[in-house]
């Protein structure tokens, strides 16, 4: 039996994508997802996050943030993260919308609230 793995965090950006990238490099059948209502990335302050819809390509987010403040987003690691993500897959996907992807043998979540949302 071939195992299929799903990595799940809130926005399908940081933890789930790092795990996805690592497992993919080692030949695992892996996908990754987020459970939030939107993809949220840090902004210039806590009150000003950058918010995108799931399905927005990582490259589009990268270009948007590079236009806004390239030094800030390079310094805080967001631009390198988005560059890594775009090398793994096109865009963040939402767990709740993954029915077409089929079932998974192992699902790893990276937060308790994400675990609860996956169970729902």
PDB file of N, CA and C in Angstrom:
ATOM      1  N   UNK A   1       0.839  -1.175   0.000  1.00  0.00           N
ATOM      2  CA  UNK A   1       0.000   0.000   0.000  1.00  0.00           C
ATOM      3  C   UNK A   1       0.894   1.251   0.000  1.00  0.00           C
ATOM      4  N   UNK A   2       0.585   2.175  -0.885  1.00  0.00           N
ATOM      5  CA  UNK A   2       1.339   3.421  -0.941  1.00  0.00           C
ATOM      6  C   UNK A   2       0.651   4.449  -0.051  1.00  0.00           C
ATOM      7  N   UNK A   3       1.420   5.060   0.825  1.00  0.00           N
ATOM      8  CA  UNK A   3       0.880   6.055   1.744  1.00  0.00           C
ATOM      9  C   UNK A   3       0.790   7.414   1.055  1.00  0.00           C
ATOM     10  N   UNK A   4      -0.269   8.145   1.376  1.00  0.00           N
ATOM     11  CA  UNK A   4      -0.437   9.526   0.942  1.00  0.00           C
ATOM     12  C   UNK A   4      -0.460  10.397   2.194  1.00  0.00           C
ATOM     13  N   UNK A   5       0.269  11.510   2.146  1.00  0.00           N
ATOM     14  CA  UNK A   5       0.425  12.377   3.298  1.00  0.00           C
ATOM     15  C   UNK A   5      -0.162  13.763   3.012  1.00  0.00           C
ATOM     16  N   UNK A   6      -0.795  14.342   4.027  1.00  0.00           N
ATOM     17  CA  UNK A   6      -1.290  15.717   3.961  1.00  0.00           C
ATOM     18  C   UNK A   6      -0.699  16.497   5.125  1.00  0.00           C
ATOM     19  N   UNK A   7      -0.154  17.659   4.808  1.00  0.00           N
ATOM     20  CA  UNK A   7       0.389  18.567   5.805  1.00  0.00           C
ATOM     21  C   UNK A   7      -0.581  19.744   5.906  1.00  0.00           C
ATOM     22  N   UNK A   8      -1.028  20.082   7.119  1.00  0.00           N
ATOM     23  CA  UNK A   8      -2.070  21.099   7.258  1.00  0.00           C
ATOM     24  C   UNK A   8      -1.708  22.111   8.346  1.00  0.00           C
ATOM     25  N   UNK A   9      -1.718  23.390   7.974  1.00  0.00           N
ATOM     26  CA  UNK A   9      -1.583  24.492   8.929  1.00  0.00           C
ATOM     27  C   UNK A   9      -2.696  25.492   8.633  1.00  0.00           C
ATOM     28  N   UNK A  10      -2.631  26.662   9.137  1.00  0.00           N
ATOM     29  CA  UNK A  10      -3.728  27.612   8.981  1.00  0.00           C
ATOM     30  C   UNK A  10      -3.803  28.234   7.584  1.00  0.00           C
ATOM     31  N   UNK A  11      -2.667  28.683   7.041  1.00  0.00           N
ATOM     32  CA  UNK A  11      -2.687  29.409   5.771  1.00  0.00           C
ATOM     33  C   UNK A  11      -1.971  28.705   4.616  1.00  0.00           C
ATOM     34  N   UNK A  12      -1.477  27.489   4.828  1.00  0.00           N
ATOM     35  CA  UNK A  12      -0.728  26.750   3.799  1.00  0.00           C
ATOM     36  C   UNK A  12       0.442  27.579   3.296  1.00  0.00           C
ATOM     37  N   UNK A  13       1.204  28.117   4.263  1.00  0.00           N
ATOM     38  CA  UNK A  13       2.337  28.968   3.927  1.00  0.00           C
ATOM     39  C   UNK A  13       3.643  28.484   4.544  1.00  0.00           C
ATOM     40  N   UNK A  14       3.688  28.418   5.852  1.00  0.00           N
ATOM     41  CA  UNK A  14       4.957  28.230   6.537  1.00  0.00           C
ATOM     42  C   UNK A  14       5.196  26.767   6.911  1.00  0.00           C
ATOM     43  N   UNK A  15       4.556  26.301   7.955  1.00  0.00           N
ATOM     44  CA  UNK A  15       4.833  24.954   8.461  1.00  0.00           C
ATOM     45  C   UNK A  15       4.416  23.859   7.499  1.00  0.00           C
ATOM     46  N   UNK A  16       3.195  23.947   6.966  1.00  0.00           N
ATOM     47  CA  UNK A  16       2.740  22.890   6.061  1.00  0.00           C
ATOM     48  C   UNK A  16       3.584  22.862   4.781  1.00  0.00           C
ATOM     49  N   UNK A  17       3.998  24.015   4.321  1.00  0.00           N
ATOM     50  CA  UNK A  17       4.791  24.064   3.094  1.00  0.00           C
ATOM     51  C   UNK A  17       6.232  23.617   3.318  1.00  0.00           C
ATOM     52  N   UNK A  18       6.805  23.895   4.468  1.00  0.00           N
ATOM     53  CA  UNK A  18       8.153  23.399   4.759  1.00  0.00           C
ATOM     54  C   UNK A  18       8.133  21.880   4.816  1.00  0.00           C
ATOM     55  N   UNK A  19       7.127  21.319   5.500  1.00  0.00           N
ATOM     56  CA  UNK A  19       7.004  19.860   5.572  1.00  0.00           C
ATOM     57  C   UNK A  19       6.728  19.276   4.186  1.00  0.00           C
ATOM     58  N   UNK A  20       5.850  19.911   3.423  1.00  0.00           N
ATOM     59  CA  UNK A  20       5.545  19.464   2.063  1.00  0.00           C
ATOM     60  C   UNK A  20       6.818  19.432   1.222  1.00  0.00           C
ATOM     61  N   UNK A  21       7.585  20.512   1.256  1.00  0.00           N
ATOM     62  CA  UNK A  21       8.824  20.616   0.492  1.00  0.00           C
ATOM     63  C   UNK A  21       9.806  19.509   0.881  1.00  0.00           C
ATOM     64  N   UNK A  22       9.996  19.304   2.153  1.00  0.00           N
ATOM     65  CA  UNK A  22      10.934  18.288   2.647  1.00  0.00           C
ATOM     66  C   UNK A  22      10.514  16.883   2.221  1.00  0.00           C
ATOM     67  N   UNK A  23       9.246  16.552   2.445  1.00  0.00           N
ATOM     68  CA  UNK A  23       8.780  15.210   2.089  1.00  0.00           C
ATOM     69  C   UNK A  23       8.792  14.993   0.581  1.00  0.00           C
ATOM     70  N   UNK A  24       8.440  16.015  -0.172  1.00  0.00           N
ATOM     71  CA  UNK A  24       8.457  15.917  -1.636  1.00  0.00           C
ATOM     72  C   UNK A  24       9.876  15.640  -2.141  1.00  0.00           C
ATOM     73  N   UNK A  25      10.866  16.335  -1.576  1.00  0.00           N
ATOM     74  CA  UNK A  25      12.273  16.113  -1.963  1.00  0.00           C
ATOM     75  C   UNK A  25      12.708  14.676  -1.718  1.00  0.00           C
ATOM     76  N   UNK A  26      12.087  14.032  -0.738  1.00  0.00           N
ATOM     77  CA  UNK A  26      12.448  12.655  -0.408  1.00  0.00           C
ATOM     78  C   UNK A  26      11.527  11.630  -1.057  1.00  0.00           C
ATOM     79  N   UNK A  27      10.716  12.075  -2.018  1.00  0.00           N
ATOM     80  CA  UNK A  27       9.929  11.156  -2.820  1.00  0.00           C
ATOM     81  C   UNK A  27       8.587  10.720  -2.247  1.00  0.00           C
ATOM     82  N   UNK A  28       8.131  11.360  -1.190  1.00  0.00           N
ATOM     83  CA  UNK A  28       6.830  11.006  -0.614  1.00  0.00           C
ATOM     84  C   UNK A  28       5.698  11.569  -1.473  1.00  0.00           C
ATOM     85  N   UNK A  29       4.552  10.886  -1.446  1.00  0.00           N
ATOM     86  CA  UNK A  29       3.327  11.378  -2.082  1.00  0.00           C
ATOM     87  C   UNK A  29       2.668  12.305  -1.061  1.00  0.00           C
ATOM     88  N   UNK A  30       2.860  13.609  -1.231  1.00  0.00           N
ATOM     89  CA  UNK A  30       2.458  14.581  -0.211  1.00  0.00           C
ATOM     90  C   UNK A  30       1.718  15.756  -0.832  1.00  0.00           C
ATOM     91  N   UNK A  31       0.750  16.268  -0.092  1.00  0.00           N
ATOM     92  CA  UNK A  31       0.020  17.483  -0.433  1.00  0.00           C
ATOM     93  C   UNK A  31      -0.010  18.351   0.815  1.00  0.00           C
ATOM     94  N   UNK A  32      -0.391  19.621   0.642  1.00  0.00           N
ATOM     95  CA  UNK A  32      -0.479  20.491   1.810  1.00  0.00           C
ATOM     96  C   UNK A  32      -1.665  21.423   1.670  1.00  0.00           C
ATOM     97  N   UNK A  33      -2.158  21.871   2.837  1.00  0.00           N
ATOM     98  CA  UNK A  33      -3.394  22.648   2.889  1.00  0.00           C
ATOM     99  C   UNK A  33      -3.367  23.624   4.058  1.00  0.00           C
ATOM    100  N   UNK A  34      -4.325  24.550   4.033  1.00  0.00           N
ATOM    101  CA  UNK A  34      -4.603  25.439   5.148  1.00  0.00           C
ATOM    102  C   UNK A  34      -6.058  25.282   5.540  1.00  0.00           C
ATOM    103  N   UNK A  35      -6.405  25.726   6.735  1.00  0.00           N
ATOM    104  CA  UNK A  35      -7.793  25.599   7.202  1.00  0.00           C
ATOM    105  C   UNK A  35      -8.468  26.943   7.439  1.00  0.00           C
ATOM    106  N   UNK A  36      -7.739  28.040   7.307  1.00  0.00           N
ATOM    107  CA  UNK A  36      -8.306  29.350   7.588  1.00  0.00           C
ATOM    108  C   UNK A  36      -9.329  29.773   6.543  1.00  0.00           C
ATOM    109  N   UNK A  37      -9.978  30.901   6.803  1.00  0.00           N
ATOM    110  CA  UNK A  37     -10.929  31.425   5.827  1.00  0.00           C
ATOM    111  C   UNK A  37     -10.202  32.175   4.714  1.00  0.00           C
ATOM    112  N   UNK A  38      -9.019  32.694   5.029  1.00  0.00           N
ATOM    113  CA  UNK A  38      -8.163  33.394   4.070  1.00  0.00           C
ATOM    114  C   UNK A  38      -6.712  33.069   4.397  1.00  0.00           C
ATOM    115  N   UNK A  39      -5.844  33.365   3.469  1.00  0.00           N
ATOM    116  CA  UNK A  39      -4.407  33.240   3.675  1.00  0.00           C
ATOM    117  C   UNK A  39      -3.937  34.558   4.279  1.00  0.00           C
ATOM    118  N   UNK A  40      -3.323  34.487   5.452  1.00  0.00           N
ATOM    119  CA  UNK A  40      -2.848  35.705   6.114  1.00  0.00           C
ATOM    120  C   UNK A  40      -1.334  35.645   6.269  1.00  0.00           C
ATOM    121  N   UNK A  41      -0.698  36.727   5.852  1.00  0.00           N
ATOM    122  CA  UNK A  41       0.745  36.882   5.999  1.00  0.00           C
ATOM    123  C   UNK A  41       1.019  38.145   6.793  1.00  0.00           C
ATOM    124  N   UNK A  42       2.108  38.173   7.544  1.00  0.00           N
ATOM    125  CA  UNK A  42       2.426  39.377   8.316  1.00  0.00           C
ATOM    126  C   UNK A  42       2.520  40.608   7.425  1.00  0.00           C
ATOM    127  N   UNK A  43       2.076  41.725   7.977  1.00  0.00           N
ATOM    128  CA  UNK A  43       2.157  43.006   7.281  1.00  0.00           C
ATOM    129  C   UNK A  43       3.087  43.938   8.023  1.00  0.00           C
ATOM    130  N   UNK A  44       2.982  45.219   7.756  1.00  0.00           N
ATOM    131  CA  UNK A  44       3.855  46.187   8.421  1.00  0.00           C
ATOM    132  C   UNK A  44       3.595  46.286   9.926  1.00  0.00           C
ATOM    133  N   UNK A  45       2.399  45.857  10.380  1.00  0.00           N
ATOM    134  CA  UNK A  45       2.103  45.800  11.814  1.00  0.00           C
ATOM    135  C   UNK A  45       1.129  44.643  12.052  1.00  0.00           C
ATOM    136  N   UNK A  46       0.933  44.299  13.324  1.00  0.00           N
ATOM    137  CA  UNK A  46       0.000  43.215  13.652  1.00  0.00           C
ATOM    138  C   UNK A  46      -1.414  43.515  13.188  1.00  0.00           C
ATOM    139  N   UNK A  47      -1.759  44.783  13.163  1.00  0.00           N
ATOM    140  CA  UNK A  47      -3.113  45.192  12.766  1.00  0.00           C
ATOM    141  C   UNK A  47      -3.289  45.291  11.248  1.00  0.00           C
ATOM    142  N   UNK A  48      -2.207  45.105  10.507  1.00  0.00           N
ATOM    143  CA  UNK A  48      -2.251  45.255   9.053  1.00  0.00           C
ATOM    144  C   UNK A  48      -1.683  44.026   8.341  1.00  0.00           C
ATOM    145  N   UNK A  49      -2.322  42.857   8.521  1.00  0.00           N
ATOM    146  CA  UNK A  49      -1.802  41.677   7.814  1.00  0.00           C
ATOM    147  C   UNK A  49      -2.094  41.793   6.316  1.00  0.00           C
ATOM    148  N   UNK A  50      -1.372  41.042   5.542  1.00  0.00           N
ATOM    149  CA  UNK A  50      -1.668  40.903   4.118  1.00  0.00           C
ATOM    150  C   UNK A  50      -2.594  39.705   3.991  1.00  0.00           C
ATOM    151  N   UNK A  51      -3.735  39.900   3.373  1.00  0.00           N
ATOM    152  CA  UNK A  51      -4.761  38.860   3.290  1.00  0.00           C
ATOM    153  C   UNK A  51      -5.019  38.531   1.825  1.00  0.00           C
ATOM    154  N   UNK A  52      -5.001  37.235   1.526  1.00  0.00           N
ATOM    155  CA  UNK A  52      -5.237  36.748   0.165  1.00  0.00           C
ATOM    156  C   UNK A  52      -6.260  35.623   0.217  1.00  0.00           C
ATOM    157  N   UNK A  53      -6.916  35.392  -0.899  1.00  0.00           N
ATOM    158  CA  UNK A  53      -7.814  34.250  -1.012  1.00  0.00           C
ATOM    159  C   UNK A  53      -6.992  32.995  -1.250  1.00  0.00           C
ATOM    160  N   UNK A  54      -7.465  31.847  -0.751  1.00  0.00           N
ATOM    161  CA  UNK A  54      -6.857  30.575  -1.130  1.00  0.00           C
ATOM    162  C   UNK A  54      -6.953  30.473  -2.648  1.00  0.00           C
ATOM    163  N   UNK A  55      -5.946  29.917  -3.257  1.00  0.00           N
ATOM    164  CA  UNK A  55      -5.906  29.820  -4.711  1.00  0.00           C
ATOM    165  C   UNK A  55      -5.121  30.935  -5.368  1.00  0.00           C
ATOM    166  N   UNK A  56      -4.787  31.996  -4.603  1.00  0.00           N
ATOM    167  CA  UNK A  56      -3.938  33.067  -5.139  1.00  0.00           C
ATOM    168  C   UNK A  56      -2.526  32.500  -5.292  1.00  0.00           C
ATOM    169  N   UNK A  57      -1.952  32.518  -6.475  1.00  0.00           N
ATOM    170  CA  UNK A  57      -0.618  31.937  -6.658  1.00  0.00           C
ATOM    171  C   UNK A  57       0.433  32.571  -5.740  1.00  0.00           C
ATOM    172  N   UNK A  58       1.333  31.729  -5.254  1.00  0.00           N
ATOM    173  CA  UNK A  58       2.424  32.221  -4.408  1.00  0.00           C
ATOM    174  C   UNK A  58       3.225  33.298  -5.134  1.00  0.00           C
ATOM    175  N   UNK A  59       3.426  33.149  -6.431  1.00  0.00           N
ATOM    176  CA  UNK A  59       4.181  34.145  -7.204  1.00  0.00           C
ATOM    177  C   UNK A  59       3.468  35.490  -7.190  1.00  0.00           C
ATOM    178  N   UNK A  60       2.148  35.484  -7.262  1.00  0.00           N
ATOM    179  CA  UNK A  60       1.384  36.732  -7.217  1.00  0.00           C
ATOM    180  C   UNK A  60       1.545  37.417  -5.857  1.00  0.00           C
ATOM    181  N   UNK A  61       1.529  36.634  -4.774  1.00  0.00           N
ATOM    182  CA  UNK A  61       1.748  37.195  -3.432  1.00  0.00           C
ATOM    183  C   UNK A  61       3.158  37.772  -3.336  1.00  0.00           C
ATOM    184  N   UNK A  62       4.133  37.022  -3.841  1.00  0.00           N
ATOM    185  CA  UNK A  62       5.525  37.459  -3.846  1.00  0.00           C
ATOM    186  C   UNK A  62       5.658  38.810  -4.551  1.00  0.00           C
ATOM    187  N   UNK A  63       5.099  38.906  -5.753  1.00  0.00           N
ATOM    188  CA  UNK A  63       5.191  40.144  -6.527  1.00  0.00           C
ATOM    189  C   UNK A  63       4.489  41.297  -5.820  1.00  0.00           C
ATOM    190  N   UNK A  64       3.344  41.026  -5.211  1.00  0.00           N
ATOM    191  CA  UNK A  64       2.591  42.054  -4.490  1.00  0.00           C
ATOM    192  C   UNK A  64       3.403  42.610  -3.320  1.00  0.00           C
ATOM    193  N   UNK A  65       3.974  41.723  -2.515  1.00  0.00           N
ATOM    194  CA  UNK A  65       4.740  42.161  -1.343  1.00  0.00           C
ATOM    195  C   UNK A  65       6.060  42.812  -1.747  1.00  0.00           C
ATOM    196  N   UNK A  66       6.645  42.345  -2.814  1.00  0.00           N
ATOM    197  CA  UNK A  66       7.886  42.967  -3.297  1.00  0.00           C
ATOM    198  C   UNK A  66       7.621  44.389  -3.767  1.00  0.00           C
ATOM    199  N   UNK A  67       6.443  44.638  -4.330  1.00  0.00           N
ATOM    200  CA  UNK A  67       6.067  46.008  -4.735  1.00  0.00           C
ATOM    201  C   UNK A  67       5.807  46.885  -3.513  1.00  0.00           C
ATOM    202  N   UNK A  68       5.196  46.303  -2.471  1.00  0.00           N
ATOM    203  CA  UNK A  68       4.814  47.077  -1.287  1.00  0.00           C
ATOM    204  C   UNK A  68       6.021  47.531  -0.473  1.00  0.00           C
ATOM    205  N   UNK A  69       6.894  46.593  -0.112  1.00  0.00           N
ATOM    206  CA  UNK A  69       8.051  46.920   0.735  1.00  0.00           C
ATOM    207  C   UNK A  69       9.052  45.763   0.677  1.00  0.00           C
ATOM    208  N   UNK A  70       9.882  45.736  -0.358  1.00  0.00           N
ATOM    209  CA  UNK A  70      10.783  44.595  -0.539  1.00  0.00           C
ATOM    210  C   UNK A  70      11.737  44.366   0.629  1.00  0.00           C
ATOM    211  N   UNK A  71      12.231  45.416   1.250  1.00  0.00           N
ATOM    212  CA  UNK A  71      13.170  45.247   2.362  1.00  0.00           C
ATOM    213  C   UNK A  71      12.507  44.621   3.581  1.00  0.00           C
ATOM    214  N   UNK A  72      11.308  45.088   3.923  1.00  0.00           N
ATOM    215  CA  UNK A  72      10.577  44.529   5.061  1.00  0.00           C
ATOM    216  C   UNK A  72      10.309  43.042   4.859  1.00  0.00           C
ATOM    217  N   UNK A  73       9.780  42.681   3.715  1.00  0.00           N
ATOM    218  CA  UNK A  73       9.371  41.289   3.489  1.00  0.00           C
ATOM    219  C   UNK A  73      10.547  40.362   3.210  1.00  0.00           C
ATOM    220  N   UNK A  74      11.658  40.908   2.821  1.00  0.00           N
ATOM    221  CA  UNK A  74      12.878  40.112   2.705  1.00  0.00           C
ATOM    222  C   UNK A  74      13.450  39.871   4.104  1.00  0.00           C
ATOM    223  N   UNK A  75      13.491  40.954   4.895  1.00  0.00           N
ATOM    224  CA  UNK A  75      14.047  40.891   6.248  1.00  0.00           C
ATOM    225  C   UNK A  75      13.248  39.952   7.153  1.00  0.00           C
ATOM    226  N   UNK A  76      11.921  39.970   7.037  1.00  0.00           N
ATOM    227  CA  UNK A  76      11.124  39.107   7.919  1.00  0.00           C
ATOM    228  C   UNK A  76      10.925  37.697   7.358  1.00  0.00           C
ATOM    229  N   UNK A  77      11.533  37.404   6.214  1.00  0.00           N
ATOM    230  CA  UNK A  77      11.530  36.037   5.680  1.00  0.00           C
ATOM    231  C   UNK A  77      10.340  35.673   4.815  1.00  0.00           C
ATOM    232  N   UNK A  78       9.429  36.606   4.587  1.00  0.00           N
ATOM    233  CA  UNK A  78       8.233  36.286   3.815  1.00  0.00           C
ATOM    234  C   UNK A  78       8.563  36.065   2.337  1.00  0.00           C
ATOM    235  N   UNK A  79       9.386  36.913   1.741  1.00  0.00           N
ATOM    236  CA  UNK A  79       9.719  36.726   0.325  1.00  0.00           C
ATOM    237  C   UNK A  79      10.459  35.411   0.069  1.00  0.00           C
ATOM    238  N   UNK A  80      11.468  35.059   0.876  1.00  0.00           N
ATOM    239  CA  UNK A  80      12.103  33.752   0.661  1.00  0.00           C
ATOM    240  C   UNK A  80      11.123  32.578   0.859  1.00  0.00           C
ATOM    241  N   UNK A  81      10.219  32.700   1.820  1.00  0.00           N
ATOM    242  CA  UNK A  81       9.234  31.644   2.051  1.00  0.00           C
ATOM    243  C   UNK A  81       8.331  31.488   0.825  1.00  0.00           C
ATOM    244  N   UNK A  82       7.854  32.608   0.280  1.00  0.00           N
ATOM    245  CA  UNK A  82       6.977  32.540  -0.891  1.00  0.00           C
ATOM    246  C   UNK A  82       7.709  31.989  -2.107  1.00  0.00           C
ATOM    247  N   UNK A  83       8.985  32.309  -2.223  1.00  0.00           N
ATOM    248  CA  UNK A  83       9.791  31.761  -3.327  1.00  0.00           C
ATOM    249  C   UNK A  83       9.900  30.240  -3.183  1.00  0.00           C
ATOM    250  N   UNK A  84      10.167  29.760  -1.970  1.00  0.00           N
ATOM    251  CA  UNK A  84      10.206  28.320  -1.722  1.00  0.00           C
ATOM    252  C   UNK A  84       8.870  27.686  -2.074  1.00  0.00           C
ATOM    253  N   UNK A  85       7.782  28.307  -1.594  1.00  0.00           N
ATOM    254  CA  UNK A  85       6.449  27.749  -1.820  1.00  0.00           C
ATOM    255  C   UNK A  85       6.137  27.618  -3.305  1.00  0.00           C
ATOM    256  N   UNK A  86       6.500  28.635  -4.091  1.00  0.00           N
ATOM    257  CA  UNK A  86       6.189  28.593  -5.520  1.00  0.00           C
ATOM    258  C   UNK A  86       6.965  27.497  -6.237  1.00  0.00           C
ATOM    259  N   UNK A  87       8.062  27.023  -5.637  1.00  0.00           N
ATOM    260  CA  UNK A  87       8.803  25.895  -6.194  1.00  0.00           C
ATOM    261  C   UNK A  87       8.196  24.554  -5.837  1.00  0.00           C
ATOM    262  N   UNK A  88       7.249  24.558  -4.911  1.00  0.00           N
ATOM    263  CA  UNK A  88       6.605  23.315  -4.463  1.00  0.00           C
ATOM    264  C   UNK A  88       5.266  23.113  -5.159  1.00  0.00           C
ATOM    265  N   UNK A  89       4.463  24.179  -5.227  1.00  0.00           N
ATOM    266  CA  UNK A  89       3.168  24.115  -5.900  1.00  0.00           C
ATOM    267  C   UNK A  89       2.723  25.520  -6.288  1.00  0.00           C
ATOM    268  N   UNK A  90       1.660  25.614  -7.060  1.00  0.00           N
ATOM    269  CA  UNK A  90       1.214  26.894  -7.606  1.00  0.00           C
ATOM    270  C   UNK A  90       0.657  27.857  -6.561  1.00  0.00           C
ATOM    271  N   UNK A  91      -0.231  27.354  -5.693  1.00  0.00           N
ATOM    272  CA  UNK A  91      -0.979  28.246  -4.801  1.00  0.00           C
ATOM    273  C   UNK A  91      -1.429  27.502  -3.550  1.00  0.00           C
ATOM    274  N   UNK A  92      -1.718  28.242  -2.465  1.00  0.00           N
ATOM    275  CA  UNK A  92      -2.233  27.596  -1.258  1.00  0.00           C
ATOM    276  C   UNK A  92      -3.624  27.017  -1.513  1.00  0.00           C
ATOM    277  N   UNK A  93      -3.856  25.866  -0.908  1.00  0.00           N
ATOM    278  CA  UNK A  93      -5.137  25.189  -1.034  1.00  0.00           C
ATOM    279  C   UNK A  93      -5.791  25.091   0.333  1.00  0.00           C
ATOM    280  N   UNK A  94      -7.101  25.079   0.326  1.00  0.00           N
ATOM    281  CA  UNK A  94      -7.857  25.010   1.574  1.00  0.00           C
ATOM    282  C   UNK A  94      -8.292  23.562   1.822  1.00  0.00           C
ATOM    283  N   UNK A  95      -8.016  23.061   3.024  1.00  0.00           N
ATOM    284  CA  UNK A  95      -8.352  21.688   3.396  1.00  0.00           C
ATOM    285  C   UNK A  95      -9.820  21.374   3.134  1.00  0.00           C
ATOM    286  N   UNK A  96     -10.688  22.289   3.519  1.00  0.00           N
ATOM    287  CA  UNK A  96     -12.123  22.052   3.413  1.00  0.00           C
ATOM    288  C   UNK A  96     -12.579  21.896   1.961  1.00  0.00           C
ATOM    289  N   UNK A  97     -11.755  22.291   1.013  1.00  0.00           N
ATOM    290  CA  UNK A  97     -12.105  22.213  -0.405  1.00  0.00           C
ATOM    291  C   UNK A  97     -11.306  21.134  -1.135  1.00  0.00           C
ATOM    292  N   UNK A  98     -10.747  20.172  -0.415  1.00  0.00           N
ATOM    293  CA  UNK A  98      -9.815  19.214  -1.026  1.00  0.00           C
ATOM    294  C   UNK A  98     -10.444  17.904  -1.469  1.00  0.00           C
ATOM    295  N   UNK A  99     -11.741  17.773  -1.500  1.00  0.00           N
ATOM    296  CA  UNK A  99     -12.394  16.494  -1.804  1.00  0.00           C
ATOM    297  C   UNK A  99     -11.884  15.879  -3.109  1.00  0.00           C
ATOM    298  N   UNK A 100     -11.614  16.694  -4.111  1.00  0.00           N
ATOM    299  CA  UNK A 100     -11.146  16.176  -5.397  1.00  0.00           C
ATOM    300  C   UNK A 100      -9.744  15.563  -5.298  1.00  0.00           C
ATOM    301  N   UNK A 101      -9.014  15.890  -4.248  1.00  0.00           N
ATOM    302  CA  UNK A 101      -7.666  15.346  -4.070  1.00  0.00           C
ATOM    303  C   UNK A 101      -7.678  13.925  -3.528  1.00  0.00           C
ATOM    304  N   UNK A 102      -8.825  13.436  -3.106  1.00  0.00           N
ATOM    305  CA  UNK A 102      -8.921  12.078  -2.575  1.00  0.00           C
ATOM    306  C   UNK A 102      -8.606  12.010  -1.098  1.00  0.00           C
ATOM    307  N   UNK A 103      -8.422  10.804  -0.620  1.00  0.00           N
ATOM    308  CA  UNK A 103      -8.167  10.598   0.808  1.00  0.00           C
ATOM    309  C   UNK A 103      -6.668  10.454   1.069  1.00  0.00           C
ATOM    310  N   UNK A 104      -6.319  10.590   2.358  1.00  0.00           N
ATOM    311  CA  UNK A 104      -4.928  10.517   2.776  1.00  0.00           C
ATOM    312  C   UNK A 104      -4.760   9.446   3.835  1.00  0.00           C
ATOM    313  N   UNK A 105      -3.617   8.819   3.849  1.00  0.00           N
ATOM    314  CA  UNK A 105      -3.289   7.809   4.841  1.00  0.00           C
ATOM    315  C   UNK A 105      -2.909   8.472   6.161  1.00  0.00           C
ATOM    316  N   UNK A 106      -2.134   9.553   6.063  1.00  0.00           N
ATOM    317  CA  UNK A 106      -1.635  10.273   7.235  1.00  0.00           C
ATOM    318  C   UNK A 106      -1.884  11.766   7.038  1.00  0.00           C
ATOM    319  N   UNK A 107      -2.475  12.402   8.045  1.00  0.00           N
ATOM    320  CA  UNK A 107      -2.693  13.838   8.022  1.00  0.00           C
ATOM    321  C   UNK A 107      -1.993  14.423   9.241  1.00  0.00           C
ATOM    322  N   UNK A 108      -1.034  15.321   9.004  1.00  0.00           N
ATOM    323  CA  UNK A 108      -0.327  15.990  10.091  1.00  0.00           C
ATOM    324  C   UNK A 108      -0.813  17.423  10.178  1.00  0.00           C
ATOM    325  N   UNK A 109      -1.175  17.838  11.391  1.00  0.00           N
ATOM    326  CA  UNK A 109      -1.566  19.220  11.623  1.00  0.00           C
ATOM    327  C   UNK A 109      -0.517  19.861  12.525  1.00  0.00           C
ATOM    328  N   UNK A 110      -0.429  21.191  12.459  1.00  0.00           N
ATOM    329  CA  UNK A 110       0.636  21.893  13.161  1.00  0.00           C
ATOM    330  C   UNK A 110       0.147  22.804  14.272  1.00  0.00           C
ATOM    331  N   UNK A 111      -1.136  22.751  14.568  1.00  0.00           N
ATOM    332  CA  UNK A 111      -1.715  23.513  15.683  1.00  0.00           C
ATOM    333  C   UNK A 111      -2.964  22.775  16.146  1.00  0.00           C
ATOM    334  N   UNK A 112      -3.314  22.935  17.404  1.00  0.00           N
ATOM    335  CA  UNK A 112      -4.509  22.284  17.935  1.00  0.00           C
ATOM    336  C   UNK A 112      -5.782  22.773  17.236  1.00  0.00           C
ATOM    337  N   UNK A 113      -5.868  24.084  16.976  1.00  0.00           N
ATOM    338  CA  UNK A 113      -7.073  24.600  16.310  1.00  0.00           C
ATOM    339  C   UNK A 113      -7.185  24.069  14.886  1.00  0.00           C
ATOM    340  N   UNK A 114      -6.060  23.844  14.224  1.00  0.00           N
ATOM    341  CA  UNK A 114      -6.071  23.270  12.882  1.00  0.00           C
ATOM    342  C   UNK A 114      -6.528  21.815  12.956  1.00  0.00           C
ATOM    343  N   UNK A 115      -6.041  21.085  13.951  1.00  0.00           N
ATOM    344  CA  UNK A 115      -6.475  19.690  14.169  1.00  0.00           C
ATOM    345  C   UNK A 115      -7.996  19.639  14.314  1.00  0.00           C
ATOM    346  N   UNK A 116      -8.552  20.533  15.134  1.00  0.00           N
ATOM    347  CA  UNK A 116      -9.999  20.566  15.339  1.00  0.00           C
ATOM    348  C   UNK A 116     -10.750  20.850  14.042  1.00  0.00           C
ATOM    349  N   UNK A 117     -10.227  21.738  13.224  1.00  0.00           N
ATOM    350  CA  UNK A 117     -10.881  22.068  11.950  1.00  0.00           C
ATOM    351  C   UNK A 117     -10.808  20.895  10.971  1.00  0.00           C
ATOM    352  N   UNK A 118      -9.699  20.175  10.982  1.00  0.00           N
ATOM    353  CA  UNK A 118      -9.585  19.005  10.117  1.00  0.00           C
ATOM    354  C   UNK A 118     -10.603  17.945  10.511  1.00  0.00           C
ATOM    355  N   UNK A 119     -10.787  17.762  11.818  1.00  0.00           N
ATOM    356  CA  UNK A 119     -11.776  16.777  12.287  1.00  0.00           C
ATOM    357  C   UNK A 119     -13.210  17.171  11.925  1.00  0.00           C
ATOM    358  N   UNK A 120     -13.476  18.469  11.914  1.00  0.00           N
ATOM    359  CA  UNK A 120     -14.827  18.926  11.543  1.00  0.00           C
ATOM    360  C   UNK A 120     -15.111  18.559  10.122  1.00  0.00           C
TER     361      UNK A 120
END
